[in-house]
Amino acid sequence: MDSKHLTWLVVDSEAEALGAEAEARRKWRQPNRKVPFEWQLRIIESLASKGQRITAADFDALPVNPGRIAA
């Protein structure tokens, strides 16, 4: 997986599966915020266990304030 495939939907679903609260995940998408490094590592490791390779830099390519995430 490259940054073109790392979307907020992927981040949100992985973080939810790993136990991140919905309110925290919404905050990550707000302007001047981002996914905390600890959660980036958890998500990277989770996706790696599924054969999808991303890096912490891929999180920087996510759009700021994407609005509501449709599931």
N, C-alpha and C. Protein backbone atom coordinates (compact mmCIF):
# COMPACT_ATOMS: atom_id res chain seq x y z
N MET A 1 0.86 -1.17 0.00
CA MET A 1 0.00 0.00 0.00
C MET A 1 0.89 1.22 0.00
N ASP A 2 0.60 2.16 -0.85
CA ASP A 2 1.34 3.41 -0.82
C ASP A 2 0.40 4.51 -0.37
N SER A 3 0.91 5.73 -0.27
CA SER A 3 0.11 6.82 0.28
C SER A 3 -1.14 7.09 -0.54
N LYS A 4 -1.13 6.69 -1.82
CA LYS A 4 -2.33 6.87 -2.64
C LYS A 4 -3.46 5.99 -2.14
N HIS A 5 -3.11 4.92 -1.43
CA HIS A 5 -4.12 4.01 -0.92
C HIS A 5 -4.39 4.18 0.57
N LEU A 6 -3.59 4.97 1.24
CA LEU A 6 -3.85 5.26 2.65
C LEU A 6 -4.85 6.40 2.69
N THR A 7 -6.06 6.07 3.04
CA THR A 7 -7.13 7.06 3.09
C THR A 7 -7.62 7.18 4.53
N TRP A 8 -8.41 8.20 4.76
CA TRP A 8 -8.98 8.35 6.10
C TRP A 8 -9.90 7.18 6.43
N LEU A 9 -10.54 6.61 5.43
CA LEU A 9 -11.40 5.45 5.67
C LEU A 9 -10.57 4.27 6.18
N VAL A 10 -9.41 4.05 5.57
CA VAL A 10 -8.51 2.98 6.02
C VAL A 10 -8.01 3.27 7.43
N VAL A 11 -7.54 4.50 7.65
CA VAL A 11 -7.04 4.89 8.98
C VAL A 11 -8.13 4.71 10.02
N ASP A 12 -9.33 5.19 9.71
CA ASP A 12 -10.43 5.13 10.67
C ASP A 12 -10.82 3.68 10.99
N SER A 13 -10.92 2.85 9.99
CA SER A 13 -11.33 1.47 10.25
C SER A 13 -10.26 0.69 11.01
N GLU A 14 -8.98 0.90 10.66
CA GLU A 14 -7.91 0.22 11.40
C GLU A 14 -7.85 0.71 12.85
N ALA A 15 -7.95 2.02 13.03
CA ALA A 15 -7.89 2.58 14.39
C ALA A 15 -9.07 2.09 15.23
N GLU A 16 -10.24 2.02 14.62
CA GLU A 16 -11.41 1.51 15.35
C GLU A 16 -11.17 0.06 15.77
N ALA A 17 -10.64 -0.75 14.85
CA ALA A 17 -10.37 -2.15 15.16
C ALA A 17 -9.33 -2.29 16.27
N LEU A 18 -8.44 -1.31 16.36
CA LEU A 18 -7.39 -1.34 17.38
C LEU A 18 -7.83 -0.69 18.70
N GLY A 19 -9.04 -0.15 18.74
CA GLY A 19 -9.59 0.37 19.98
C GLY A 19 -9.61 1.87 20.15
N ALA A 20 -9.31 2.63 19.11
CA ALA A 20 -9.36 4.10 19.22
C ALA A 20 -10.81 4.56 19.28
N GLU A 21 -11.09 5.47 20.17
CA GLU A 21 -12.44 5.99 20.33
C GLU A 21 -12.84 6.85 19.14
N ALA A 22 -14.13 6.86 18.82
CA ALA A 22 -14.64 7.64 17.68
C ALA A 22 -14.32 9.12 17.82
N GLU A 23 -14.47 9.66 19.02
CA GLU A 23 -14.19 11.09 19.24
C GLU A 23 -12.73 11.42 18.95
N ALA A 24 -11.83 10.56 19.38
CA ALA A 24 -10.40 10.78 19.12
C ALA A 24 -10.12 10.73 17.62
N ARG A 25 -10.72 9.77 16.93
CA ARG A 25 -10.49 9.63 15.49
C ARG A 25 -11.00 10.85 14.74
N ARG A 26 -12.10 11.42 15.18
CA ARG A 26 -12.63 12.65 14.55
C ARG A 26 -11.66 13.81 14.74
N LYS A 27 -11.06 13.91 15.92
CA LYS A 27 -10.11 14.99 16.20
C LYS A 27 -8.89 14.91 15.29
N TRP A 28 -8.47 13.71 14.96
CA TRP A 28 -7.29 13.55 14.11
C TRP A 28 -7.47 14.22 12.76
N ARG A 29 -8.71 14.32 12.28
CA ARG A 29 -8.99 14.87 10.96
C ARG A 29 -9.15 16.39 10.97
N GLN A 30 -9.14 17.01 12.13
CA GLN A 30 -9.31 18.45 12.23
C GLN A 30 -8.05 19.19 11.79
N PRO A 31 -8.24 20.45 11.32
CA PRO A 31 -7.06 21.25 10.96
C PRO A 31 -6.10 21.38 12.14
N ASN A 32 -4.81 21.42 11.85
CA ASN A 32 -3.75 21.56 12.85
C ASN A 32 -3.64 20.36 13.79
N ARG A 33 -4.19 19.24 13.40
CA ARG A 33 -4.06 18.00 14.15
C ARG A 33 -3.66 16.91 13.18
N LYS A 34 -3.25 15.79 13.72
CA LYS A 34 -2.94 14.64 12.88
C LYS A 34 -3.04 13.38 13.73
N VAL A 35 -2.86 12.24 13.10
CA VAL A 35 -2.88 10.98 13.82
C VAL A 35 -1.65 10.96 14.73
N PRO A 36 -1.85 10.78 16.04
CA PRO A 36 -0.70 10.73 16.95
C PRO A 36 0.28 9.62 16.54
N PHE A 37 1.56 9.87 16.76
CA PHE A 37 2.59 8.94 16.33
C PHE A 37 2.37 7.53 16.90
N GLU A 38 1.94 7.45 18.15
CA GLU A 38 1.67 6.14 18.75
C GLU A 38 0.63 5.37 17.94
N TRP A 39 -0.42 6.06 17.50
CA TRP A 39 -1.46 5.42 16.70
C TRP A 39 -0.98 5.15 15.29
N GLN A 40 -0.12 6.02 14.75
CA GLN A 40 0.46 5.74 13.44
C GLN A 40 1.20 4.40 13.48
N LEU A 41 2.01 4.21 14.51
CA LEU A 41 2.76 2.95 14.64
C LEU A 41 1.83 1.74 14.74
N ARG A 42 0.79 1.87 15.54
CA ARG A 42 -0.16 0.76 15.67
C ARG A 42 -0.81 0.42 14.34
N ILE A 43 -1.21 1.46 13.61
CA ILE A 43 -1.86 1.26 12.32
C ILE A 43 -0.87 0.68 11.31
N ILE A 44 0.35 1.20 11.28
CA ILE A 44 1.39 0.67 10.39
C ILE A 44 1.62 -0.81 10.65
N GLU A 45 1.74 -1.18 11.93
CA GLU A 45 1.97 -2.58 12.28
C GLU A 45 0.78 -3.46 11.92
N SER A 46 -0.43 -2.95 12.15
CA SER A 46 -1.63 -3.71 11.82
C SER A 46 -1.72 -3.96 10.32
N LEU A 47 -1.48 -2.91 9.53
CA LEU A 47 -1.54 -3.08 8.08
C LEU A 47 -0.40 -3.96 7.58
N ALA A 48 0.78 -3.86 8.20
CA ALA A 48 1.91 -4.70 7.80
C ALA A 48 1.59 -6.17 8.03
N SER A 49 0.87 -6.46 9.10
CA SER A 49 0.50 -7.86 9.38
C SER A 49 -0.46 -8.40 8.32
N LYS A 50 -1.08 -7.49 7.57
CA LYS A 50 -2.00 -7.87 6.48
C LYS A 50 -1.31 -7.76 5.12
N GLY A 51 0.00 -7.49 5.14
CA GLY A 51 0.76 -7.41 3.90
C GLY A 51 0.71 -6.06 3.20
N GLN A 52 0.23 -5.04 3.90
CA GLN A 52 0.14 -3.70 3.32
C GLN A 52 1.21 -2.83 3.94
N ARG A 53 2.09 -2.29 3.11
CA ARG A 53 3.22 -1.51 3.62
C ARG A 53 2.96 -0.02 3.47
N ILE A 54 3.00 0.68 4.60
CA ILE A 54 2.92 2.13 4.61
C ILE A 54 3.99 2.63 5.58
N THR A 55 4.24 3.92 5.54
CA THR A 55 5.20 4.53 6.45
C THR A 55 4.53 5.69 7.18
N ALA A 56 5.21 6.20 8.18
CA ALA A 56 4.69 7.36 8.90
C ALA A 56 4.51 8.55 7.97
N ALA A 57 5.35 8.66 6.96
CA ALA A 57 5.24 9.77 6.00
C ALA A 57 3.92 9.72 5.22
N ASP A 58 3.36 8.53 5.04
CA ASP A 58 2.09 8.43 4.33
C ASP A 58 0.96 9.13 5.06
N PHE A 59 1.06 9.23 6.37
CA PHE A 59 0.03 9.92 7.15
C PHE A 59 0.05 11.42 6.85
N ASP A 60 1.23 11.96 6.53
CA ASP A 60 1.33 13.38 6.21
C ASP A 60 0.64 13.73 4.90
N ALA A 61 0.44 12.75 4.03
CA ALA A 61 -0.20 12.99 2.75
C ALA A 61 -1.73 12.97 2.83
N LEU A 62 -2.27 12.60 3.99
CA LEU A 62 -3.73 12.57 4.14
C LEU A 62 -4.28 14.00 4.10
N PRO A 63 -5.44 14.20 3.48
CA PRO A 63 -6.02 15.54 3.44
C PRO A 63 -6.47 16.00 4.82
N VAL A 64 -6.35 17.29 5.07
CA VAL A 64 -6.79 17.86 6.33
C VAL A 64 -8.29 18.09 6.26
N ASN A 65 -8.98 17.78 7.35
CA ASN A 65 -10.41 18.04 7.47
C ASN A 65 -11.20 17.50 6.29
N PRO A 66 -11.18 16.19 6.08
CA PRO A 66 -11.87 15.63 4.92
C PRO A 66 -13.40 15.60 5.07
N GLY A 67 -13.90 16.00 6.21
CA GLY A 67 -15.34 15.94 6.43
C GLY A 67 -15.75 14.58 6.95
N ARG A 68 -17.01 14.28 6.78
CA ARG A 68 -17.55 13.03 7.29
C ARG A 68 -17.02 11.85 6.48
N ILE A 69 -16.70 10.78 7.16
CA ILE A 69 -16.21 9.58 6.50
C ILE A 69 -17.37 8.62 6.36
N ALA A 70 -17.68 8.28 5.12
CA ALA A 70 -18.76 7.33 4.86
C ALA A 70 -18.20 5.92 4.98
N ALA A 71 -18.92 5.09 5.69
CA ALA A 71 -18.45 3.70 5.87
C ALA A 71 -19.05 2.79 4.83
